[in-house]
């Protein structure tokens, strides 16, 4: 991994970016006193199975501030996910009921929830940013359904003590993008937070222009981040670090023994999950866009969808975030940045693990785990009988050089590759059409056919396996933009249709073929940034 980022463990005793900020607000001094308040109209049956609990608020009050969301004026339902609703035992149709709508707009509390905003810190674009926290997100509590527990969080729910210069609100466009991509990634099989629904409002919100407010309801087993641990490390609070780590282990890593080596084991587990997550991103051409340490999940989930993008014309240096002037979070750098972020987490855990040497040892498996996961993904994407190995370097390196030189559409290439016939190069037309230099593709295709011949097997079986891992449909930015423009005019039909298409990304869906097309010319100027 070239162009290395500085090693934050170089001097674990030094806080090179001191945190001068004031102590976190205590729960006793902020927000309203929250009890098991009934829904609007006293109808607690309006949201079945959602009497909540909250294990995070069993931690001391310095970890969070308890407060109610700011009510959202004139809320209306923009979109909802039936798949996400089932995770917490809801029927998606209930989300349109006024009393239920009020809950997910932040206008009515649920029994037992103890809503709160959490504090954390983090490195943003590689620079220590000090105290951050849930500046526009409020967690309502945890819903238990069957064997699972899901935290329910409202993003865009109003000011919190961690809002800094922000207004605590989200806008319709960013809420729709997060909603669509959360559920699209889940359908692709990528570990991710989930999105239950988007609630809109005519209330104005000022960004680059005046937009309208929205709240997206997110679900996750936990929203704890790398930055949650950095916060207490930089405040020299090892006892708080231990409380947080034990909370995460007890709730989410039951396989870890509770003995003295548990903190190293936690870091090792996060390293492996993160390596596999980023490998999955790379295999799909997904760019997160803002991989700050406060946007990295301690559970290895894709977290905080902002200026993300699925790469279209392949470019290893592709930057999906218009705010990323230096290209820190370019596609090819995502594995390296994930490793850097894990070093920052490791630095925060040194006081618990006990030594720099042990911490480094826990971080060391990242590269091997990432490479193994990529080999697995590439072997499956190429239809090989096993993960790619050292002998496949000419095939794999040649492919990515070919894609780079021709800027072929990433998703279309791998999907059309599924149709390749081993004994019929004359049928390669749709694939060749993706390349400015068809002869260069022909040379690579001959190498690929020779590799397939080593495995043996029939076309049909290989093609079916490839179609199960190479999506036909991804959330291209222009598709999201079309849905957003319709939604701004109170037309949510395009959003609903796109959502349904993305729920089955590996199916052919011939009636929806237009959603698999590359971006039209008008979309060339689309940009997403940290405000998106």
Protein backbone atom coordinates (compact mmCIF):
# COMPACT_ATOMS: atom_id res chain seq x y z
CA UNK A 1 0.00 0.00 0.00
CA UNK A 2 1.90 3.02 -1.28
CA UNK A 3 1.96 6.60 -0.04
CA UNK A 4 1.79 5.64 3.65
CA UNK A 5 -0.11 7.69 6.16
CA UNK A 6 1.73 8.65 9.34
CA UNK A 7 1.70 6.01 12.09
CA UNK A 8 -0.26 7.35 15.09
CA UNK A 9 1.39 4.72 17.29
CA UNK A 10 4.81 6.20 16.68
CA UNK A 11 4.63 7.80 20.12
CA UNK A 12 1.61 6.48 22.02
CA UNK A 13 2.34 8.67 25.02
CA UNK A 14 2.19 11.88 23.02
CA UNK A 15 -1.03 13.69 22.21
CA UNK A 16 0.17 15.56 19.16
CA UNK A 17 -3.18 17.33 18.79
CA UNK A 18 -4.26 18.34 22.27
CA UNK A 19 -7.98 18.54 22.96
CA UNK A 20 -8.66 21.91 24.62
CA UNK A 21 -12.42 21.57 24.60
CA UNK A 22 -14.53 21.81 27.69
CA UNK A 23 -15.85 18.67 29.41
CA UNK A 24 -18.86 16.93 27.93
CA UNK A 25 -22.30 18.04 29.09
CA UNK A 26 -23.62 15.83 31.87
CA UNK A 27 -27.00 14.20 31.42
CA UNK A 28 -28.23 15.68 34.67
CA UNK A 29 -27.73 19.22 33.43
CA UNK A 30 -29.15 19.00 29.91
CA UNK A 31 -32.38 18.03 28.27
CA UNK A 32 -35.71 17.09 29.75
CA UNK A 33 -36.37 14.43 32.33
CA UNK A 34 -37.42 11.44 30.26
CA UNK A 35 -39.68 8.68 31.41
CA UNK A 36 -41.84 6.07 29.74
CA UNK A 37 -43.97 8.66 27.99
CA UNK A 38 -46.90 7.39 25.92
CA UNK A 39 -47.40 8.12 22.26
CA UNK A 40 -49.54 10.97 21.00
CA UNK A 41 -53.10 10.38 22.08
CA UNK A 42 -51.98 7.82 24.64
CA UNK A 43 -52.10 5.00 22.08
CA UNK A 44 -49.06 2.89 22.99
CA UNK A 45 -50.30 0.17 20.65
CA UNK A 46 -49.66 2.36 17.60
CA UNK A 47 -46.10 1.03 17.31
CA UNK A 48 -46.35 -2.64 18.28
CA UNK A 49 -43.26 -4.28 19.80
CA UNK A 50 -41.48 -0.97 20.32
CA UNK A 51 -41.40 -0.58 24.05
CA UNK A 52 -37.71 0.28 24.24
CA UNK A 53 -34.80 -0.21 26.57
CA UNK A 54 -31.39 1.47 26.49
CA UNK A 55 -28.20 -0.28 27.56
CA UNK A 56 -26.00 2.66 26.49
CA UNK A 57 -27.57 4.95 29.07
CA UNK A 58 -26.52 2.50 31.77
CA UNK A 59 -23.07 3.99 31.24
CA UNK A 60 -22.24 7.13 33.27
CA UNK A 61 -23.86 10.37 32.13
CA UNK A 62 -20.62 11.79 30.76
CA UNK A 63 -20.95 9.40 27.79
CA UNK A 64 -24.11 11.11 26.51
CA UNK A 65 -26.70 13.79 27.04
CA UNK A 66 -30.31 12.80 27.52
CA UNK A 67 -32.67 15.03 25.57
CA UNK A 68 -35.74 14.91 23.39
CA UNK A 69 -35.68 15.45 19.62
CA UNK A 70 -36.80 18.84 18.35
CA UNK A 71 -40.31 18.45 16.89
CA UNK A 72 -40.53 18.50 13.10
CA UNK A 73 -43.24 20.70 11.61
CA UNK A 74 -45.94 19.13 9.43
CA UNK A 75 -44.21 15.76 8.94
CA UNK A 76 -45.01 13.45 6.03
CA UNK A 77 -43.73 10.02 5.02
CA UNK A 78 -41.25 10.10 2.14
CA UNK A 79 -40.20 6.45 2.03
CA UNK A 80 -39.98 3.33 4.18
CA UNK A 81 -38.20 -0.01 4.05
CA UNK A 82 -40.20 -3.17 4.66
CA UNK A 83 -36.97 -5.15 5.10
CA UNK A 84 -35.72 -2.80 7.81
CA UNK A 85 -39.13 -2.70 9.48
CA UNK A 86 -39.10 -6.48 9.84
CA UNK A 87 -35.84 -6.25 11.79
CA UNK A 88 -37.69 -4.59 14.66
CA UNK A 89 -40.96 -6.48 14.25
CA UNK A 90 -42.93 -3.78 12.44
CA UNK A 91 -45.26 -3.96 9.49
CA UNK A 92 -44.12 -1.26 7.07
CA UNK A 93 -47.71 -0.10 6.52
CA UNK A 94 -47.92 1.09 10.12
CA UNK A 95 -45.27 3.75 9.44
CA UNK A 96 -47.81 5.88 7.59
CA UNK A 97 -50.13 6.07 10.60
CA UNK A 98 -50.11 9.59 12.11
CA UNK A 99 -49.15 8.46 15.60
CA UNK A 100 -46.31 6.31 14.28
CA UNK A 101 -45.21 9.07 11.92
CA UNK A 102 -44.98 11.37 14.93
CA UNK A 103 -42.52 9.01 16.63
CA UNK A 104 -40.10 8.85 13.71
CA UNK A 105 -40.38 12.58 13.07
CA UNK A 106 -39.16 13.13 16.64
CA UNK A 107 -42.50 14.58 17.75
CA UNK A 108 -43.53 11.85 20.22
CA UNK A 109 -41.41 9.62 22.48
CA UNK A 110 -41.69 5.88 22.93
CA UNK A 111 -42.02 4.07 26.26
CA UNK A 112 -38.73 3.30 27.97
CA UNK A 113 -36.50 4.80 25.33
CA UNK A 114 -34.40 7.38 27.22
CA UNK A 115 -33.43 9.35 24.07
CA UNK A 116 -29.85 10.57 24.07
CA UNK A 117 -27.04 12.02 21.98
CA UNK A 118 -23.61 10.41 22.45
CA UNK A 119 -20.27 12.15 22.73
CA UNK A 120 -17.22 11.09 20.75
CA UNK A 121 -14.16 12.66 19.13
CA UNK A 122 -12.13 11.83 16.06
CA UNK A 123 -9.64 12.47 13.30
CA UNK A 124 -11.22 14.22 10.33
CA UNK A 125 -9.24 14.13 7.07
CA UNK A 126 -6.30 12.88 9.12
CA UNK A 127 -6.33 15.82 11.57
CA UNK A 128 -7.34 15.55 15.21
CA UNK A 129 -10.66 17.40 15.49
CA UNK A 130 -11.24 17.11 19.23
CA UNK A 131 -14.71 16.64 20.66
CA UNK A 132 -17.45 15.88 18.18
CA UNK A 133 -20.53 13.82 19.03
CA UNK A 134 -24.06 13.31 17.78
CA UNK A 135 -24.61 16.81 16.46
CA UNK A 136 -27.88 16.03 14.71
CA UNK A 137 -28.65 12.44 15.74
CA UNK A 138 -30.63 11.28 18.74
CA UNK A 139 -30.90 7.62 19.68
CA UNK A 140 -34.37 6.74 20.95
CA UNK A 141 -33.35 3.45 22.53
CA UNK A 142 -33.10 -0.24 21.65
CA UNK A 143 -35.84 -2.41 20.21
CA UNK A 144 -35.61 -6.11 20.91
CA UNK A 145 -37.00 -8.46 18.25
CA UNK A 146 -36.48 -12.19 18.41
CA UNK A 147 -32.78 -12.64 19.30
CA UNK A 148 -31.64 -9.23 18.09
CA UNK A 149 -31.46 -5.75 19.55
CA UNK A 150 -31.46 -2.69 17.33
CA UNK A 151 -30.71 0.87 18.36
CA UNK A 152 -33.16 3.28 16.75
CA UNK A 153 -31.63 6.64 15.89
CA UNK A 154 -33.17 9.74 14.34
CA UNK A 155 -30.70 11.62 12.12
CA UNK A 156 -31.69 15.24 11.64
CA UNK A 157 -33.57 15.37 14.93
CA UNK A 158 -32.43 18.83 16.02
CA UNK A 159 -29.80 20.58 18.08
CA UNK A 160 -27.77 18.71 20.68
CA UNK A 161 -24.90 19.88 22.90
CA UNK A 162 -22.55 18.45 20.22
CA UNK A 163 -23.95 20.38 17.25
CA UNK A 164 -21.09 22.90 17.31
CA UNK A 165 -21.91 25.43 14.56
CA UNK A 166 -24.59 23.23 12.98
CA UNK A 167 -28.36 23.47 13.17
CA UNK A 168 -28.97 19.82 14.08
CA UNK A 169 -31.08 19.21 11.01
CA UNK A 170 -30.70 17.05 7.90
CA UNK A 171 -32.10 17.95 4.50
CA UNK A 172 -34.32 15.91 2.22
CA UNK A 173 -31.64 15.11 -0.38
CA UNK A 174 -29.08 13.74 2.09
CA UNK A 175 -31.75 11.80 3.97
CA UNK A 176 -32.98 10.15 0.78
CA UNK A 177 -29.43 9.28 -0.24
CA UNK A 178 -28.69 7.66 3.12
CA UNK A 179 -32.00 5.81 3.12
CA UNK A 180 -31.50 4.40 -0.36
CA UNK A 181 -27.85 3.47 0.07
CA UNK A 182 -28.24 1.87 3.50
CA UNK A 183 -30.85 -0.51 2.16
CA UNK A 184 -29.05 -1.01 -1.17
CA UNK A 185 -25.86 -2.02 0.64
CA UNK A 186 -27.78 -4.46 2.82
CA UNK A 187 -29.27 -6.06 -0.29
CA UNK A 188 -25.75 -6.33 -1.74
CA UNK A 189 -24.68 -8.24 1.37
CA UNK A 190 -22.42 -5.49 2.78
CA UNK A 191 -22.39 -4.99 6.57
CA UNK A 192 -24.17 -1.69 7.15
CA UNK A 193 -26.42 0.36 9.34
CA UNK A 194 -30.00 0.19 8.14
CA UNK A 195 -32.60 2.82 7.29
CA UNK A 196 -36.20 2.37 8.38
CA UNK A 197 -37.81 5.47 6.89
CA UNK A 198 -37.47 9.08 5.81
CA UNK A 199 -39.83 11.72 7.20
CA UNK A 200 -40.01 15.03 5.36
CA UNK A 201 -41.16 18.49 6.38
CA UNK A 202 -41.66 21.86 4.68
CA UNK A 203 -39.47 23.46 7.37
CA UNK A 204 -36.63 25.40 5.68
CA UNK A 205 -32.99 24.47 6.25
CA UNK A 206 -30.10 26.55 4.91
CA UNK A 207 -27.19 24.74 3.23
CA UNK A 208 -25.69 26.03 -0.04
CA UNK A 209 -29.29 27.03 -0.76
CA UNK A 210 -32.52 26.90 1.21
CA UNK A 211 -33.74 23.30 1.34
CA UNK A 212 -36.36 21.42 3.33
CA UNK A 213 -35.81 19.39 6.48
CA UNK A 214 -36.04 15.63 6.86
CA UNK A 215 -35.31 12.94 9.43
CA UNK A 216 -33.98 9.51 8.50
CA UNK A 217 -34.49 6.71 11.05
CA UNK A 218 -31.39 4.54 11.27
CA UNK A 219 -30.99 1.12 12.86
CA UNK A 220 -27.82 -0.56 14.10
CA UNK A 221 -26.86 -2.95 16.87
CA UNK A 222 -24.61 -0.10 18.06
CA UNK A 223 -23.54 3.32 16.82
CA UNK A 224 -20.26 3.29 18.81
CA UNK A 225 -17.35 4.47 16.66
CA UNK A 226 -13.57 4.44 16.68
CA UNK A 227 -13.85 8.07 17.79
CA UNK A 228 -15.85 7.03 20.85
CA UNK A 229 -12.64 5.43 22.19
CA UNK A 230 -10.37 8.20 20.96
CA UNK A 231 -12.44 10.65 22.99
CA UNK A 232 -11.53 9.09 26.33
CA UNK A 233 -7.93 8.36 25.36
CA UNK A 234 -7.25 11.99 24.51
CA UNK A 235 -8.85 13.03 27.81
CA UNK A 236 -6.60 10.61 29.68
CA UNK A 237 -9.57 8.70 31.08
CA UNK A 238 -8.59 5.00 31.06
CA UNK A 239 -11.43 4.08 33.42
CA UNK A 240 -13.96 5.48 30.93
CA UNK A 241 -12.18 3.66 28.11
CA UNK A 242 -12.55 0.40 30.02
CA UNK A 243 -16.24 1.00 30.68
CA UNK A 244 -16.90 1.62 27.00
CA UNK A 245 -14.84 -1.35 25.86
CA UNK A 246 -16.56 -3.67 28.32
CA UNK A 247 -19.96 -2.37 27.16
CA UNK A 248 -19.09 -3.15 23.53
CA UNK A 249 -17.65 -6.58 24.33
CA UNK A 250 -20.59 -7.62 26.51
CA UNK A 251 -23.19 -6.47 24.01
CA UNK A 252 -21.61 -7.24 20.66
CA UNK A 253 -18.59 -9.54 20.94
CA UNK A 254 -19.84 -12.45 23.06
CA UNK A 255 -17.10 -14.69 21.64
CA UNK A 256 -14.42 -12.67 23.45
CA UNK A 257 -13.30 -14.13 26.76
CA UNK A 258 -13.78 -11.68 29.65
CA UNK A 259 -10.23 -12.20 30.93
CA UNK A 260 -7.31 -9.75 30.99
CA UNK A 261 -6.63 -10.16 27.26
CA UNK A 262 -10.08 -9.00 26.22
CA UNK A 263 -9.08 -5.55 25.04
CA UNK A 264 -6.45 -6.88 22.65
CA UNK A 265 -9.01 -9.44 21.46
CA UNK A 266 -11.49 -6.61 20.83
CA UNK A 267 -9.00 -4.73 18.68
CA UNK A 268 -8.13 -7.90 16.77
CA UNK A 269 -11.81 -8.55 16.06
CA UNK A 270 -12.39 -4.98 14.86
CA UNK A 271 -9.32 -5.22 12.62
CA UNK A 272 -10.67 -8.33 10.90
CA UNK A 273 -14.20 -6.95 10.50
CA UNK A 274 -12.90 -3.67 9.09
CA UNK A 275 -10.54 -5.39 6.65
CA UNK A 276 -13.37 -7.55 5.31
CA UNK A 277 -15.74 -4.60 5.12
CA UNK A 278 -13.39 -2.46 3.05
CA UNK A 279 -12.57 -5.40 0.78
CA UNK A 280 -16.29 -5.70 0.10
CA UNK A 281 -16.45 -1.99 -0.73
CA UNK A 282 -13.54 -2.33 -3.16
CA UNK A 283 -15.09 -5.36 -4.84
CA UNK A 284 -18.27 -3.37 -5.55
CA UNK A 285 -16.56 -0.13 -6.54
CA UNK A 286 -18.08 1.63 -3.53
CA UNK A 287 -16.46 4.82 -2.25
CA UNK A 288 -17.40 6.00 1.23
CA UNK A 289 -16.09 9.51 0.74
CA UNK A 290 -15.43 10.56 4.33
CA UNK A 291 -13.64 7.81 6.26
CA UNK A 292 -12.95 9.90 9.34
CA UNK A 293 -12.41 7.92 12.55
CA UNK A 294 -15.73 9.21 13.87
CA UNK A 295 -17.39 7.57 10.84
CA UNK A 296 -15.86 4.12 11.46
CA UNK A 297 -18.07 1.58 13.23
CA UNK A 298 -16.66 -0.48 16.09
CA UNK A 299 -18.78 -3.34 14.68
CA UNK A 300 -17.35 -3.16 11.17
CA UNK A 301 -20.49 -1.68 9.62
CA UNK A 302 -20.74 0.89 6.85
CA UNK A 303 -21.62 3.99 8.85
CA UNK A 304 -22.63 7.59 8.09
CA UNK A 305 -23.56 7.80 4.41
CA UNK A 306 -22.65 11.25 3.19
CA UNK A 307 -20.68 11.95 -0.02
CA UNK A 308 -20.58 8.28 -1.05
CA UNK A 309 -20.64 7.00 -4.60
CA UNK A 310 -20.55 3.79 -6.61
CA UNK A 311 -17.76 4.21 -9.15
CA UNK A 312 -18.90 4.22 -12.76
CA UNK A 313 -16.01 4.80 -15.18
CA UNK A 314 -13.19 2.97 -13.45
CA UNK A 315 -10.46 5.16 -12.00
CA UNK A 316 -8.34 3.97 -9.10
CA UNK A 317 -7.92 7.61 -8.09
CA UNK A 318 -11.65 8.32 -8.16
CA UNK A 319 -12.72 10.86 -5.51
CA UNK A 320 -16.43 10.84 -4.76
CA UNK A 321 -16.35 13.67 -2.20
CA UNK A 322 -16.13 17.14 -3.71
CA UNK A 323 -14.83 18.39 -0.34
CA UNK A 324 -11.84 16.00 -0.45
CA UNK A 325 -9.40 18.35 -2.18
CA UNK A 326 -6.33 16.20 -1.45
CA UNK A 327 -7.94 12.91 -2.44
CA UNK A 328 -7.34 11.33 0.95
CA UNK A 329 -10.43 9.13 0.56
CA UNK A 330 -10.00 8.18 -3.09
CA UNK A 331 -11.11 4.66 -4.06
CA UNK A 332 -7.62 3.11 -4.11
CA UNK A 333 -6.71 4.64 -0.77
CA UNK A 334 -9.66 3.28 1.20
CA UNK A 335 -7.82 0.16 2.45
CA UNK A 336 -4.84 2.24 3.52
CA UNK A 337 -7.02 4.80 5.29
CA UNK A 338 -8.94 2.03 7.08
CA UNK A 339 -5.60 0.70 8.35
CA UNK A 340 -4.60 4.20 9.49
CA UNK A 341 -7.91 4.58 11.31
CA UNK A 342 -7.35 1.24 13.04
CA UNK A 343 -3.97 2.52 14.21
CA UNK A 344 -5.77 5.52 15.69
CA UNK A 345 -8.15 3.14 17.46
CA UNK A 346 -5.19 1.05 18.58
CA UNK A 347 -3.51 4.13 20.02
CA UNK A 348 -6.66 4.82 22.02
CA UNK A 349 -6.68 1.26 23.38
CA UNK A 350 -2.99 1.12 24.38
CA UNK A 351 -3.80 2.00 28.03
CA UNK A 352 -6.12 -1.02 28.20
CA UNK A 353 -4.04 -3.46 26.14
CA UNK A 354 -0.96 -2.60 28.16
CA UNK A 355 1.81 -2.09 25.62
CA UNK A 356 2.55 -0.71 22.19
CA UNK A 357 4.01 -4.07 21.15
CA UNK A 358 0.82 -5.98 21.92
CA UNK A 359 -1.25 -3.31 20.20
CA UNK A 360 0.88 -3.47 17.07
CA UNK A 361 0.55 -7.24 17.07
CA UNK A 362 -3.25 -6.90 17.19
CA UNK A 363 -3.15 -4.52 14.20
CA UNK A 364 -0.78 -6.60 12.11
CA UNK A 365 -3.38 -9.00 10.60
CA UNK A 366 -5.15 -6.20 8.72
CA UNK A 367 -3.22 -6.42 5.47
CA UNK A 368 -3.39 -10.20 5.28
CA UNK A 369 -7.10 -10.21 6.12
CA UNK A 370 -7.82 -7.54 3.52
CA UNK A 371 -5.84 -9.35 0.82
CA UNK A 372 -7.51 -12.68 1.63
CA UNK A 373 -10.95 -11.09 1.47
CA UNK A 374 -10.12 -9.36 -1.83
CA UNK A 375 -8.83 -12.65 -3.27
CA UNK A 376 -12.09 -14.29 -2.26
CA UNK A 377 -14.20 -11.52 -3.81
CA UNK A 378 -12.18 -11.41 -7.03
CA UNK A 379 -12.20 -15.18 -7.41
CA UNK A 380 -15.97 -15.19 -7.14
CA UNK A 381 -16.44 -12.13 -9.36
CA UNK A 382 -14.32 -13.78 -12.06
CA UNK A 383 -16.09 -17.11 -11.71
CA UNK A 384 -13.00 -19.00 -10.60
CA UNK A 385 -13.18 -22.19 -8.58
CA UNK A 386 -11.07 -20.69 -5.78
CA UNK A 387 -9.84 -17.29 -4.58
CA UNK A 388 -7.28 -15.61 -6.76
CA UNK A 389 -3.70 -16.45 -5.86
CA UNK A 390 -0.15 -15.34 -6.74
CA UNK A 391 -0.38 -17.17 -10.04
CA UNK A 392 -3.34 -15.01 -11.01
CA UNK A 393 -1.42 -11.74 -10.73
CA UNK A 394 -1.09 -11.26 -14.53
CA UNK A 395 -4.84 -11.84 -14.91
CA UNK A 396 -5.91 -9.54 -12.06
CA UNK A 397 -3.32 -6.82 -12.56
CA UNK A 398 -3.94 -6.89 -16.29
CA UNK A 399 -7.66 -6.49 -15.74
CA UNK A 400 -7.39 -3.44 -13.52
CA UNK A 401 -4.81 -1.86 -15.83
CA UNK A 402 -7.23 -2.45 -18.71
CA UNK A 403 -10.14 -0.93 -16.79
CA UNK A 404 -8.01 2.07 -15.81
CA UNK A 405 -6.73 2.72 -19.32
CA UNK A 406 -10.20 2.51 -20.85
CA UNK A 407 -12.26 3.90 -17.95
CA UNK A 408 -14.74 1.10 -18.48
CA UNK A 409 -17.88 1.12 -16.35
CA UNK A 410 -17.03 -0.96 -13.27
CA UNK A 411 -20.45 -2.46 -12.55
CA UNK A 412 -21.36 -3.04 -16.20
CA UNK A 413 -18.05 -4.75 -16.93
CA UNK A 414 -18.35 -7.38 -14.24
CA UNK A 415 -22.02 -7.98 -14.96
CA UNK A 416 -21.44 -8.43 -18.68
CA UNK A 417 -18.45 -10.65 -17.93
CA UNK A 418 -20.97 -13.09 -16.46
CA UNK A 419 -22.25 -13.71 -20.02
CA UNK A 420 -18.87 -14.58 -21.51
CA UNK A 421 -18.79 -17.93 -23.30
CA UNK A 422 -15.55 -19.85 -23.07
CA UNK A 423 -15.69 -21.24 -26.60
CA UNK A 424 -17.20 -18.26 -28.43
CA UNK A 425 -15.12 -15.06 -28.47
CA UNK A 426 -17.35 -13.76 -31.26
CA UNK A 427 -20.12 -13.30 -28.65
CA UNK A 428 -18.03 -10.78 -26.66
CA UNK A 429 -19.58 -7.76 -28.39
CA UNK A 430 -21.37 -6.20 -25.38
CA UNK A 431 -18.17 -6.53 -23.34
CA UNK A 432 -15.89 -5.17 -26.05
CA UNK A 433 -18.19 -2.16 -26.43
CA UNK A 434 -17.13 -0.96 -22.97
CA UNK A 435 -13.52 -0.46 -24.10
CA UNK A 436 -11.93 2.29 -26.15
CA UNK A 437 -9.27 -0.27 -27.16
CA UNK A 438 -11.17 -3.47 -28.03
CA UNK A 439 -7.98 -5.25 -29.06
CA UNK A 440 -6.59 -4.76 -25.56
CA UNK A 441 -9.72 -6.36 -24.17
CA UNK A 442 -9.37 -9.27 -26.61
CA UNK A 443 -5.85 -9.94 -25.32
CA UNK A 444 -7.01 -9.96 -21.73
CA UNK A 445 -10.05 -12.11 -22.58
CA UNK A 446 -7.78 -14.74 -24.12
CA UNK A 447 -5.84 -14.88 -20.86
CA UNK A 448 -9.09 -15.13 -18.93
CA UNK A 449 -10.41 -17.96 -21.07
CA UNK A 450 -7.19 -19.86 -20.54
CA UNK A 451 -7.61 -19.42 -16.79
CA UNK A 452 -11.21 -20.66 -16.92
CA UNK A 453 -10.07 -23.70 -18.86
CA UNK A 454 -7.79 -24.63 -15.95
CA UNK A 455 -10.84 -24.84 -13.68
CA UNK A 456 -12.96 -26.78 -16.16
CA UNK A 457 -16.71 -26.73 -15.73
CA UNK A 458 -19.58 -25.55 -17.87
CA UNK A 459 -20.50 -22.00 -18.72
CA UNK A 460 -23.96 -22.19 -17.16
CA UNK A 461 -22.81 -23.01 -13.64
CA UNK A 462 -20.04 -20.41 -13.69
CA UNK A 463 -22.35 -17.74 -15.08
CA UNK A 464 -24.96 -18.36 -12.39
CA UNK A 465 -22.34 -18.08 -9.65
CA UNK A 466 -21.00 -14.86 -11.12
CA UNK A 467 -24.44 -13.28 -11.39
CA UNK A 468 -24.92 -13.93 -7.68
CA UNK A 469 -21.96 -11.68 -6.77
CA UNK A 470 -21.76 -9.15 -9.63
CA UNK A 471 -24.75 -6.80 -9.26
CA UNK A 472 -26.72 -5.56 -12.22
CA UNK A 473 -28.09 -2.63 -10.19
CA UNK A 474 -26.25 -0.25 -7.86
CA UNK A 475 -27.22 3.19 -6.57
CA UNK A 476 -25.64 5.37 -9.21
CA UNK A 477 -25.64 9.02 -8.21
CA UNK A 478 -27.88 10.08 -11.05
CA UNK A 479 -30.54 7.56 -10.02
CA UNK A 480 -30.59 9.03 -6.52
CA UNK A 481 -30.74 12.54 -7.99
CA UNK A 482 -33.79 11.70 -10.11
CA UNK A 483 -35.58 10.29 -7.06
CA UNK A 484 -34.64 13.39 -5.03
CA UNK A 485 -35.97 15.80 -7.68
CA UNK A 486 -39.28 13.94 -7.81
CA UNK A 487 -39.49 13.90 -3.99
CA UNK A 488 -38.96 17.65 -3.83
CA UNK A 489 -42.19 17.93 -5.81
CA UNK A 490 -43.99 15.60 -3.39
CA UNK A 491 -43.81 12.72 -5.87
CA UNK A 492 -42.37 9.69 -4.07
CA UNK A 493 -43.18 7.12 -6.75
CA UNK A 494 -39.70 7.21 -8.29
CA UNK A 495 -38.09 6.76 -4.88
CA UNK A 496 -40.31 3.75 -4.18
CA UNK A 497 -39.59 2.20 -7.57
CA UNK A 498 -35.82 2.69 -7.28
CA UNK A 499 -35.89 1.26 -3.79
CA UNK A 500 -37.64 -1.89 -5.06
CA UNK A 501 -35.11 -2.28 -7.88
CA UNK A 502 -32.19 -2.00 -5.46
CA UNK A 503 -33.69 -4.61 -3.14
CA UNK A 504 -32.90 -7.23 -5.82
CA UNK A 505 -29.54 -6.03 -7.20
CA UNK A 506 -28.44 -9.42 -8.56
CA UNK A 507 -31.66 -10.23 -10.44
CA UNK A 508 -31.96 -9.44 -14.14
CA UNK A 509 -35.26 -7.49 -13.79
CA UNK A 510 -35.57 -6.90 -17.56
CA UNK A 511 -38.52 -4.56 -16.96
CA UNK A 512 -36.13 -2.28 -15.03
CA UNK A 513 -33.16 -2.43 -17.41
CA UNK A 514 -33.03 1.39 -17.63
CA UNK A 515 -31.84 1.47 -14.00
CA UNK A 516 -28.69 -0.45 -14.99
CA UNK A 517 -27.63 2.09 -17.62
CA UNK A 518 -24.55 4.29 -17.16
CA UNK A 519 -25.04 7.93 -16.27
CA UNK A 520 -26.54 10.18 -18.97
CA UNK A 521 -24.67 13.27 -20.12
CA UNK A 522 -26.67 15.61 -17.88
CA UNK A 523 -25.32 13.79 -14.82
CA UNK A 524 -21.68 14.56 -15.61
CA UNK A 525 -21.82 17.66 -13.42
CA UNK A 526 -23.29 15.99 -10.35
CA UNK A 527 -21.19 16.50 -7.24
CA UNK A 528 -21.58 15.36 -3.67
CA UNK A 529 -19.78 16.87 -0.72
CA UNK A 530 -19.73 16.68 3.06
CA UNK A 531 -22.98 18.68 3.08
CA UNK A 532 -24.69 16.14 0.84
